[in-house]
Protein backbone atom coordinates (compact mmCIF):
# COMPACT_ATOMS: atom_id res chain seq x y z
CA UNK A 1 18.02 -6.54 1.56
CA UNK A 2 16.26 -3.23 2.07
CA UNK A 3 13.79 -3.05 4.94
CA UNK A 4 10.36 -2.06 3.40
CA UNK A 5 7.47 -1.96 5.84
CA UNK A 6 5.06 -3.41 3.12
CA UNK A 7 6.05 -7.08 2.49
CA UNK A 8 5.13 -9.66 -0.09
CA UNK A 9 1.84 -8.77 -1.86
CA UNK A 10 -1.13 -11.61 -0.98
CA UNK A 11 -3.35 -12.60 -3.33
CA UNK A 12 -6.81 -11.02 -2.86
CA UNK A 13 -10.30 -10.35 -4.36
CA UNK A 14 -10.18 -6.44 -5.73
CA UNK A 15 -12.62 -3.90 -6.45
CA UNK A 16 -11.60 -1.24 -9.13
CA UNK A 17 -11.47 2.55 -7.55
CA UNK A 18 -10.43 5.54 -9.33
CA UNK A 19 -8.20 7.97 -7.74
CA UNK A 20 -6.23 11.23 -8.57
CA UNK A 21 -2.73 11.67 -7.42
CA UNK A 22 -0.01 14.51 -7.85
CA UNK A 23 2.41 14.01 -10.35
CA UNK A 24 5.17 13.72 -7.54
CA UNK A 25 2.91 11.23 -5.49
CA UNK A 26 2.70 8.97 -8.56
CA UNK A 27 6.67 9.31 -9.20
CA UNK A 28 7.15 8.35 -5.63
CA UNK A 29 4.86 5.26 -6.00
CA UNK A 30 6.60 4.12 -9.08
CA UNK A 31 9.90 4.36 -7.27
CA UNK A 32 8.37 2.33 -4.08
CA UNK A 33 7.16 -0.29 -6.75
CA UNK A 34 10.29 -0.58 -8.13
CA UNK A 35 12.09 -1.12 -5.04
CA UNK A 36 9.47 -3.59 -3.90
CA UNK A 37 9.83 -5.39 -6.95
CA UNK A 38 13.71 -5.42 -6.49
CA UNK A 39 13.38 -6.67 -2.66
CA UNK A 40 10.87 -9.18 -3.17
CA UNK A 41 11.74 -10.58 -6.75
CA UNK A 42 8.09 -10.26 -7.86
CA UNK A 43 7.30 -7.54 -10.38
CA UNK A 44 4.50 -5.06 -9.21
CA UNK A 45 3.35 -1.60 -10.37
CA UNK A 46 2.14 1.19 -8.15
CA UNK A 47 -1.68 0.45 -8.60
CA UNK A 48 -1.10 -2.87 -7.14
CA UNK A 49 0.82 -1.58 -4.10
CA UNK A 50 -1.80 1.34 -3.27
CA UNK A 51 -4.44 -0.93 -1.45
CA UNK A 52 -2.03 -2.69 0.52
CA UNK A 53 -0.35 0.51 1.69
CA UNK A 54 -3.74 1.94 2.44
CA UNK A 55 -4.63 -1.23 4.45
CA UNK A 56 -1.27 -1.11 6.39
CA UNK A 57 -1.74 2.75 7.27
CA UNK A 58 -5.31 2.46 8.71
CA UNK A 59 -4.19 -0.79 10.71
CA UNK A 60 -1.14 1.65 12.31
CA UNK A 61 -3.75 4.44 12.69
CA UNK A 62 -4.36 4.53 16.49
CA UNK A 63 -7.16 7.01 16.35
CA UNK A 64 -9.03 4.90 13.60
CA UNK A 65 -8.86 1.93 15.74
CA UNK A 66 -10.00 3.68 18.65
CA UNK A 67 -13.14 5.02 16.81
CA UNK A 68 -13.85 1.44 15.09
CA UNK A 69 -13.70 -0.27 18.54
CA UNK A 70 -16.24 2.16 20.01
CA UNK A 71 -18.49 1.55 17.42
CA UNK A 72 -18.44 -2.41 17.57
């Protein structure tokens, strides 16, 4: 099995947000979504992955965590 950082997607409440991507980034997201679907056996598209990728990115960003903890 391929080792992806992003695991199975949880069911969550969502809010719609519109973003602009480069053509290459959209193609990469589509490839990642295809690999994620093959790995976890559940069909997902790139739009479903983006929120989880952003959440994982912010959770690992040391500077963001430090700034957040200083405000609290």
